[in-house]
Amino acid sequence: MLPALRRSLLAVAVGAAAGAAHADIVVAQVAPFSGPQAVTGRAIHAGAKLYIDAVNARGGVRGQRIKLVTRDDAQKPEETVRLVKEVLQQEAPVALIGTVGTSNLEALARDGVLDKYRVSMVGAVSGAASVAQSRSLRVVKASYHDEIDSLFSKLSQLGLKRVGVVFQDDGLGKDVNAGVDKAARRYGITLVSSTGYPRNTTDVTPAVNNMLKAGPQVIFLGATTAAAVQFVKQYGAAGGQATMYGMSIIDTEALLKTLGPDRARGYAFSVVLPLSSKPDREVVREYLRLSEAGQYPDLSARSMEGFIAAKALVKALEKTPRPSAESVTAALDAAAELDLGGYRLDFSKADRSGSRYVDFAMIGDGGRIVQ
């Protein structure tokens, strides 16, 4: 072989080896970026991207950049399954992150595609028991049942015993109602009305009318963001007087932006992740530093969940010398305690809700969050 040709082939081989050694670590998100739940999908994505961009800016994980690829499922369960299969085949991600919706995640668990590829999803966006019990789905917050139990305990202590429930009529609503029934019996709460609205819509007018007739002291919104905003808006316009308690999945910033501070005042909600308005933990201070330095228009109250999911995933990657779907899953299985900066997760138990933290807050004067 001619010396020049030999040197050329050697250079190509060395370059290919170097490229392989520093190939991107691919992480995929299949979530709603269109449709009624796009606000949630985009917010979770913005939080995850905020942290991943910061990791890449400091050199990645052992010199490898993290590449975040996305697919839009419009929160349709059949599309979630199809697109997860597609992205696994096309991109070979080491992990998934931030799929939104109980029914979507239940569909993935039933299909078994994650188990087949031995890939984990970190930050599955649901607090349903059915999701937390799935081997491949890691939840970075307390469960819906934890939220409901804490809320009904507090209502009982305050002497508020007449409660109405508004829920999305799907897997989310089924899990919410199971938690509500159990907590109501435990704390002596009377459920004066329980009414659903169709999944993936904002068709809440019948629910508003039912609650106006029932006259509860408190209305618990087991709803998604767009529908919850519409319910609060229509119920208030019709003269409803009940105190509103929303689940943690409702984006309070979107609600405040739509309703304005006067109409949103008094809206209370569960807190299962650190609030960006309360910088008493290092993870919140880090989130604020990074968000102030970059341009992320979709950042909102829900983005902390994506940020924490991405940080937990990076912690697992840092413990994995050769990142692969199997090695990342093994690292997560072994993660008895991940300290993300004053917020701790434990994925080592059979129930893969990584946290039990629940608190409450309210929108006060001028839109200020009071905890």
Protein backbone atom coordinates (compact mmCIF):
# COMPACT_ATOMS: atom_id res chain seq x y z
CA MET A 1 0.00 0.00 0.00
CA LEU A 2 1.29 3.46 -0.86
CA PRO A 3 2.48 5.45 2.22
CA ALA A 4 0.18 8.39 1.46
CA LEU A 5 -2.87 6.13 1.14
CA ARG A 6 -1.91 4.29 4.34
CA ARG A 7 -1.65 7.59 6.24
CA SER A 8 -5.00 8.73 4.84
CA LEU A 9 -6.78 5.55 5.91
CA LEU A 10 -5.17 5.71 9.35
CA ALA A 11 -6.34 9.30 9.78
CA VAL A 12 -9.90 8.31 8.87
CA ALA A 13 -9.82 5.42 11.34
CA VAL A 14 -8.47 7.60 14.16
CA GLY A 15 -11.05 10.28 13.41
CA ALA A 16 -13.87 7.74 13.45
CA ALA A 17 -12.67 6.32 16.76
CA ALA A 18 -12.46 9.78 18.29
CA GLY A 19 -15.94 10.59 17.02
CA ALA A 20 -17.33 7.39 18.52
CA ALA A 21 -15.63 8.10 21.82
CA HIS A 22 -17.27 11.51 22.00
CA ALA A 23 -20.62 10.70 20.38
CA ASP A 24 -23.67 12.38 21.78
CA ILE A 25 -25.57 10.77 24.63
CA VAL A 26 -29.10 10.75 23.26
CA VAL A 27 -32.11 11.36 25.52
CA ALA A 28 -35.63 11.44 24.05
CA GLN A 29 -38.85 13.15 25.07
CA VAL A 30 -42.22 12.14 23.63
CA ALA A 31 -44.75 14.67 24.92
CA PRO A 32 -47.55 17.03 23.84
CA PHE A 33 -46.11 20.00 21.98
CA SER A 34 -49.48 20.70 20.33
CA GLY A 35 -53.08 20.44 21.52
CA PRO A 36 -54.63 21.37 24.89
CA GLN A 37 -51.73 19.99 26.93
CA ALA A 38 -48.97 21.61 24.88
CA VAL A 39 -48.42 24.12 27.69
CA THR A 40 -47.35 21.25 29.97
CA GLY A 41 -45.22 19.42 27.41
CA ARG A 42 -43.36 22.59 26.49
CA ALA A 43 -42.85 23.58 30.11
CA ILE A 44 -41.41 20.18 31.05
CA HIS A 45 -39.18 20.27 27.97
CA ALA A 46 -37.95 23.78 28.79
CA GLY A 47 -36.95 22.72 32.30
CA ALA A 48 -35.12 19.64 31.08
CA LYS A 49 -33.37 21.58 28.32
CA LEU A 50 -32.33 24.28 30.79
CA TYR A 51 -30.34 21.77 32.83
CA ILE A 52 -29.05 19.75 29.87
CA ASP A 53 -27.79 22.91 28.15
CA ALA A 54 -25.90 23.83 31.33
CA VAL A 55 -24.31 20.38 31.50
CA ASN A 56 -23.26 20.61 27.85
CA ALA A 57 -21.85 24.10 28.40
CA ARG A 58 -19.48 22.75 31.02
CA GLY A 59 -18.30 19.90 28.81
CA GLY A 60 -21.08 17.31 29.04
CA VAL A 61 -20.71 14.02 30.87
CA ARG A 62 -17.09 12.83 30.60
CA GLY A 63 -16.70 14.84 27.42
CA GLN A 64 -19.93 13.60 25.82
CA ARG A 65 -22.69 16.09 25.06
CA ILE A 66 -26.30 15.22 25.79
CA LYS A 67 -28.59 15.46 22.78
CA LEU A 68 -32.29 15.93 23.64
CA VAL A 69 -34.57 14.80 20.80
CA THR A 70 -38.34 15.23 20.81
CA ARG A 71 -41.54 13.86 19.28
CA ASP A 72 -45.01 15.43 19.55
CA ASP A 73 -47.74 12.99 20.66
CA ALA A 74 -50.45 15.68 21.20
CA GLN A 75 -51.15 13.64 24.39
CA LYS A 76 -52.80 10.85 22.42
CA PRO A 77 -51.88 7.51 24.04
CA GLU A 78 -51.68 5.59 20.75
CA GLU A 79 -49.33 8.24 19.38
CA THR A 80 -47.22 8.10 22.53
CA VAL A 81 -46.64 4.37 22.05
CA ARG A 82 -45.99 4.69 18.32
CA LEU A 83 -43.56 7.58 18.68
CA VAL A 84 -41.68 5.99 21.57
CA LYS A 85 -41.12 2.92 19.40
CA GLU A 86 -40.05 5.17 16.54
CA VAL A 87 -37.56 7.18 18.56
CA LEU A 88 -36.10 4.07 20.18
CA GLN A 89 -35.47 2.55 16.77
CA GLN A 90 -34.22 5.73 15.08
CA GLU A 91 -32.23 7.43 17.84
CA ALA A 92 -31.32 4.64 20.33
CA PRO A 93 -31.61 6.93 23.39
CA VAL A 94 -30.08 5.84 26.68
CA ALA A 95 -33.19 7.11 28.47
CA LEU A 96 -36.52 8.83 27.96
CA ILE A 97 -37.70 11.86 29.88
CA GLY A 98 -40.88 13.78 30.59
CA THR A 99 -43.78 12.03 28.83
CA VAL A 100 -47.02 13.69 30.01
CA GLY A 101 -50.30 12.04 31.02
CA THR A 102 -51.52 9.11 33.08
CA SER A 103 -53.31 7.39 30.18
CA ASN A 104 -50.27 7.87 27.94
CA LEU A 105 -47.90 6.37 30.49
CA GLU A 106 -50.30 3.52 31.28
CA ALA A 107 -50.41 2.74 27.54
CA LEU A 108 -46.61 2.55 27.45
CA ALA A 109 -46.56 0.26 30.47
CA ARG A 110 -49.19 -2.05 28.93
CA ASP A 111 -47.37 -2.21 25.60
CA GLY A 112 -44.11 -3.26 27.27
CA VAL A 113 -41.89 -1.39 24.80
CA LEU A 114 -39.73 0.16 27.54
CA ASP A 115 -39.11 -3.20 29.16
CA LYS A 116 -38.30 -4.70 25.76
CA TYR A 117 -35.59 -2.09 25.15
CA ARG A 118 -34.57 -2.06 28.84
CA VAL A 119 -34.86 1.70 28.83
CA SER A 120 -36.10 3.89 31.68
CA MET A 121 -38.13 7.07 31.61
CA VAL A 122 -37.07 9.64 34.21
CA GLY A 123 -39.64 12.23 35.23
CA ALA A 124 -42.77 10.48 33.95
CA VAL A 125 -45.32 13.28 34.37
CA SER A 126 -48.06 11.65 36.43
CA GLY A 127 -48.63 10.91 40.09
CA ALA A 128 -50.93 7.93 39.48
CA ALA A 129 -50.24 4.76 41.42
CA SER A 130 -50.42 2.73 38.20
CA VAL A 131 -47.54 4.78 36.77
CA ALA A 132 -45.34 4.73 39.86
CA GLN A 133 -45.63 0.94 40.07
CA SER A 134 -44.33 0.40 36.53
CA ARG A 135 -40.71 -0.78 36.53
CA SER A 136 -39.57 1.48 33.70
CA LEU A 137 -41.29 4.72 34.76
CA ARG A 138 -39.57 6.95 37.33
CA VAL A 139 -41.63 9.72 38.93
CA VAL A 140 -39.76 12.61 40.55
CA LYS A 141 -42.56 13.80 42.84
CA ALA A 142 -45.14 12.55 45.33
CA SER A 143 -48.18 10.61 44.13
CA TYR A 144 -51.67 12.01 43.58
CA HIS A 145 -52.84 9.92 46.53
CA ASP A 146 -50.19 11.59 48.71
CA GLU A 147 -51.47 14.99 47.56
CA ILE A 148 -55.12 14.14 48.18
CA ASP A 149 -54.50 12.58 51.58
CA SER A 150 -52.55 15.65 52.76
CA LEU A 151 -55.21 18.03 51.43
CA PHE A 152 -58.18 16.21 52.95
CA SER A 153 -56.36 15.98 56.28
CA LYS A 154 -55.86 19.76 56.22
CA LEU A 155 -59.49 20.42 55.20
CA SER A 156 -60.74 18.25 58.05
CA GLN A 157 -58.58 20.16 60.53
CA LEU A 158 -60.06 23.42 59.22
CA GLY A 159 -63.61 22.10 59.55
CA LEU A 160 -64.23 22.16 55.78
CA LYS A 161 -66.21 18.95 55.23
CA ARG A 162 -68.32 19.62 52.07
CA VAL A 163 -66.13 19.00 49.03
CA GLY A 164 -66.83 18.83 45.31
CA VAL A 165 -64.48 17.08 42.87
CA VAL A 166 -63.88 17.94 39.22
CA PHE A 167 -61.81 15.38 37.33
CA GLN A 168 -60.63 14.51 33.84
CA ASP A 169 -62.56 11.45 32.71
CA ASP A 170 -59.70 9.05 31.97
CA GLY A 171 -56.89 7.28 33.80
CA LEU A 172 -56.05 10.46 35.68
CA GLY A 173 -59.64 10.81 36.91
CA LYS A 174 -59.83 7.15 37.87
CA ASP A 175 -56.73 7.47 40.05
CA VAL A 176 -57.91 10.79 41.52
CA ASN A 177 -61.30 9.33 42.45
CA ALA A 178 -59.71 6.31 44.09
CA GLY A 179 -57.57 8.62 46.23
CA VAL A 180 -60.50 10.93 46.98
CA ASP A 181 -62.79 8.10 48.12
CA LYS A 182 -60.14 6.69 50.44
CA ALA A 183 -59.20 10.07 51.93
CA ALA A 184 -62.85 11.15 52.34
CA ARG A 185 -63.60 8.05 54.42
CA ARG A 186 -60.46 8.51 56.47
CA TYR A 187 -61.08 12.18 57.36
CA GLY A 188 -64.89 12.35 57.44
CA ILE A 189 -65.24 14.46 54.30
CA THR A 190 -68.62 14.57 52.50
CA LEU A 191 -68.38 14.51 48.70
CA VAL A 192 -71.34 16.65 47.63
CA SER A 193 -70.65 16.32 43.91
CA SER A 194 -68.13 14.55 41.67
CA THR A 195 -68.18 15.40 37.99
CA GLY A 196 -65.90 14.68 35.06
CA TYR A 197 -65.07 16.41 31.79
CA PRO A 198 -63.89 14.73 28.56
CA ARG A 199 -60.19 13.98 28.29
CA ASN A 200 -57.99 16.37 26.33
CA THR A 201 -60.70 19.05 26.16
CA THR A 202 -61.72 22.19 28.05
CA ASP A 203 -65.41 21.29 27.96
CA VAL A 204 -66.09 22.08 31.64
CA THR A 205 -69.45 23.90 31.43
CA PRO A 206 -71.48 20.89 32.74
CA ALA A 207 -69.00 20.55 35.63
CA VAL A 208 -69.39 24.26 36.46
CA ASN A 209 -73.19 23.93 36.53
CA ASN A 210 -73.04 20.83 38.73
CA MET A 211 -70.81 22.56 41.26
CA LEU A 212 -73.01 25.66 41.34
CA LYS A 213 -76.01 23.46 42.18
CA ALA A 214 -74.16 21.37 44.79
CA GLY A 215 -72.73 24.33 46.71
CA PRO A 216 -69.55 22.80 48.15
CA GLN A 217 -67.27 24.69 50.53
CA VAL A 218 -64.23 23.51 48.60
CA ILE A 219 -63.78 22.32 45.02
CA PHE A 220 -60.86 19.98 44.37
CA LEU A 221 -59.61 20.14 40.79
CA GLY A 222 -58.24 16.79 39.67
CA ALA A 223 -57.76 18.38 36.28
CA THR A 224 -55.15 19.36 33.73
CA THR A 225 -54.06 22.96 33.20
CA ALA A 226 -56.21 24.19 30.31
CA ALA A 227 -59.41 22.65 31.68
CA ALA A 228 -58.70 23.86 35.22
CA VAL A 229 -58.16 27.43 34.00
CA GLN A 230 -61.46 27.33 32.13
CA PHE A 231 -63.28 25.91 35.15
CA VAL A 232 -61.96 28.58 37.53
CA LYS A 233 -62.81 31.29 34.98
CA GLN A 234 -66.36 30.09 34.28
CA TYR A 235 -67.17 29.21 37.89
CA GLY A 236 -66.03 32.63 39.12
CA ALA A 237 -67.94 34.44 36.35
CA ALA A 238 -71.10 32.55 37.38
CA GLY A 239 -70.75 33.73 40.98
CA GLY A 240 -69.35 30.53 42.53
CA GLN A 241 -67.99 31.05 46.05
CA ALA A 242 -66.18 27.79 46.87
CA THR A 243 -62.45 27.79 47.62
CA MET A 244 -60.48 26.17 44.80
CA TYR A 245 -57.77 23.60 45.47
CA GLY A 246 -55.86 22.46 42.40
CA MET A 247 -53.56 19.48 41.94
CA SER A 248 -49.87 20.07 41.43
CA ILE A 249 -50.13 19.25 37.72
CA ILE A 250 -52.02 22.51 37.07
CA ASP A 251 -49.65 25.23 35.89
CA THR A 252 -50.27 28.14 38.26
CA GLU A 253 -48.38 30.59 36.07
CA ALA A 254 -50.64 29.77 33.11
CA LEU A 255 -53.67 30.17 35.36
CA LEU A 256 -52.42 33.49 36.71
CA LYS A 257 -51.57 34.77 33.23
CA THR A 258 -55.01 33.91 31.87
CA LEU A 259 -57.13 35.04 34.81
CA GLY A 260 -55.07 37.94 36.11
CA PRO A 261 -54.08 38.47 39.75
CA ASP A 262 -57.50 39.64 40.98
CA ARG A 263 -59.49 36.69 39.64
CA ALA A 264 -56.78 34.16 40.55
CA ARG A 265 -56.47 35.45 44.12
CA GLY A 266 -57.34 32.76 46.68
CA TYR A 267 -56.64 29.82 44.35
CA ALA A 268 -54.82 27.19 46.43
CA PHE A 269 -52.77 24.29 45.15
CA SER A 270 -50.61 21.34 46.09
CA VAL A 271 -46.85 21.74 46.02
CA VAL A 272 -44.90 18.54 45.37
CA LEU A 273 -41.73 20.11 43.96
CA PRO A 274 -39.65 23.07 45.14
CA LEU A 275 -41.18 26.41 44.16
CA SER A 276 -39.02 28.71 42.08
CA SER A 277 -40.41 31.60 44.14
CA LYS A 278 -38.86 30.15 47.31
CA PRO A 279 -35.05 29.93 46.89
CA ASP A 280 -34.38 28.08 50.16
CA ARG A 281 -32.83 25.05 48.41
CA GLU A 282 -29.74 24.89 46.24
CA VAL A 283 -31.66 23.23 43.39
CA VAL A 284 -33.98 26.28 43.24
CA ARG A 285 -31.08 28.73 43.33
CA GLU A 286 -29.40 26.78 40.53
CA TYR A 287 -32.62 26.81 38.49
CA LEU A 288 -32.97 30.57 38.93
CA ARG A 289 -29.32 31.27 38.04
CA LEU A 290 -29.55 29.27 34.83
CA SER A 291 -32.97 30.56 33.80
CA GLU A 292 -31.86 34.17 34.24
CA ALA A 293 -28.82 33.58 32.03
CA GLY A 294 -30.61 31.97 29.06
CA GLN A 295 -33.56 32.46 26.73
CA TYR A 296 -36.23 29.86 27.49
CA PRO A 297 -39.67 31.32 26.67
CA ASP A 298 -41.56 28.15 27.68
CA LEU A 299 -40.27 28.11 31.26
CA SER A 300 -43.16 28.12 33.74
CA ALA A 301 -44.20 26.76 37.12
CA ARG A 302 -44.21 23.21 35.67
CA SER A 303 -40.63 23.49 34.38
CA MET A 304 -39.06 22.62 37.73
CA GLU A 305 -40.29 19.05 37.20
CA GLY A 306 -38.38 18.77 33.92
CA PHE A 307 -35.32 20.40 35.47
CA ILE A 308 -35.27 17.95 38.38
CA ALA A 309 -35.87 14.98 36.06
CA ALA A 310 -32.92 16.03 33.88
CA LYS A 311 -30.68 16.53 36.91
CA ALA A 312 -31.58 13.08 38.28
CA LEU A 313 -30.84 11.54 34.88
CA VAL A 314 -27.46 13.28 34.66
CA LYS A 315 -26.61 11.98 38.15
CA ALA A 316 -27.27 8.46 36.84
CA LEU A 317 -25.20 9.13 33.70
CA GLU A 318 -22.29 10.29 35.84
CA LYS A 319 -22.32 6.90 37.58
CA THR A 320 -22.29 5.06 34.25
CA PRO A 321 -18.83 4.73 32.59
CA ARG A 322 -20.38 3.64 29.28
CA PRO A 323 -23.90 5.04 29.01
CA SER A 324 -26.47 2.69 27.54
CA ALA A 325 -30.13 2.06 28.21
CA GLU A 326 -29.27 -0.94 30.38
CA SER A 327 -26.49 0.75 32.35
CA VAL A 328 -28.56 3.88 33.04
CA THR A 329 -31.46 1.72 34.24
CA ALA A 330 -29.09 -0.17 36.55
CA ALA A 331 -27.74 3.11 37.94
CA LEU A 332 -31.27 4.34 38.64
CA ASP A 333 -32.22 1.06 40.30
CA ALA A 334 -29.25 1.46 42.64
CA ALA A 335 -30.05 5.10 43.46
CA ALA A 336 -31.17 4.79 47.09
CA GLU A 337 -30.81 8.54 47.54
CA LEU A 338 -30.13 11.24 45.00
CA ASP A 339 -29.55 14.64 46.57
CA LEU A 340 -30.28 17.18 43.84
CA GLY A 341 -29.60 20.18 46.04
CA GLY A 342 -31.95 19.97 49.01
CA TYR A 343 -34.48 17.83 47.15
CA ARG A 344 -33.96 14.08 47.47
CA LEU A 345 -35.15 11.17 45.35
CA ASP A 346 -35.11 7.42 45.99
CA PHE A 347 -35.76 5.10 43.03
CA SER A 348 -34.61 1.91 44.76
CA LYS A 349 -38.06 0.87 46.03
CA ALA A 350 -40.75 -1.04 44.14
CA ASP A 351 -42.95 2.07 44.16
CA ARG A 352 -40.93 4.35 41.89
CA SER A 353 -42.37 7.64 43.11
CA GLY A 354 -39.06 9.13 44.11
CA SER A 355 -40.46 11.56 46.68
CA ARG A 356 -43.16 11.93 49.34
CA TYR A 357 -42.89 15.70 49.74
CA VAL A 358 -46.26 17.53 49.79
CA ASP A 359 -47.00 21.11 50.83
CA PHE A 360 -49.58 23.76 49.91
CA ALA A 361 -49.53 27.32 48.60
CA MET A 362 -51.99 29.99 47.51
CA ILE A 363 -52.10 32.88 45.07
CA GLY A 364 -52.27 36.04 47.18
CA ASP A 365 -52.44 39.77 46.52
CA GLY A 366 -50.93 40.90 43.24
CA GLY A 367 -50.37 37.31 42.08
CA ARG A 368 -47.81 36.63 44.80
CA ILE A 369 -47.41 32.96 45.79
CA VAL A 370 -47.91 32.47 49.52
CA GLN A 371 -46.73 29.19 51.05
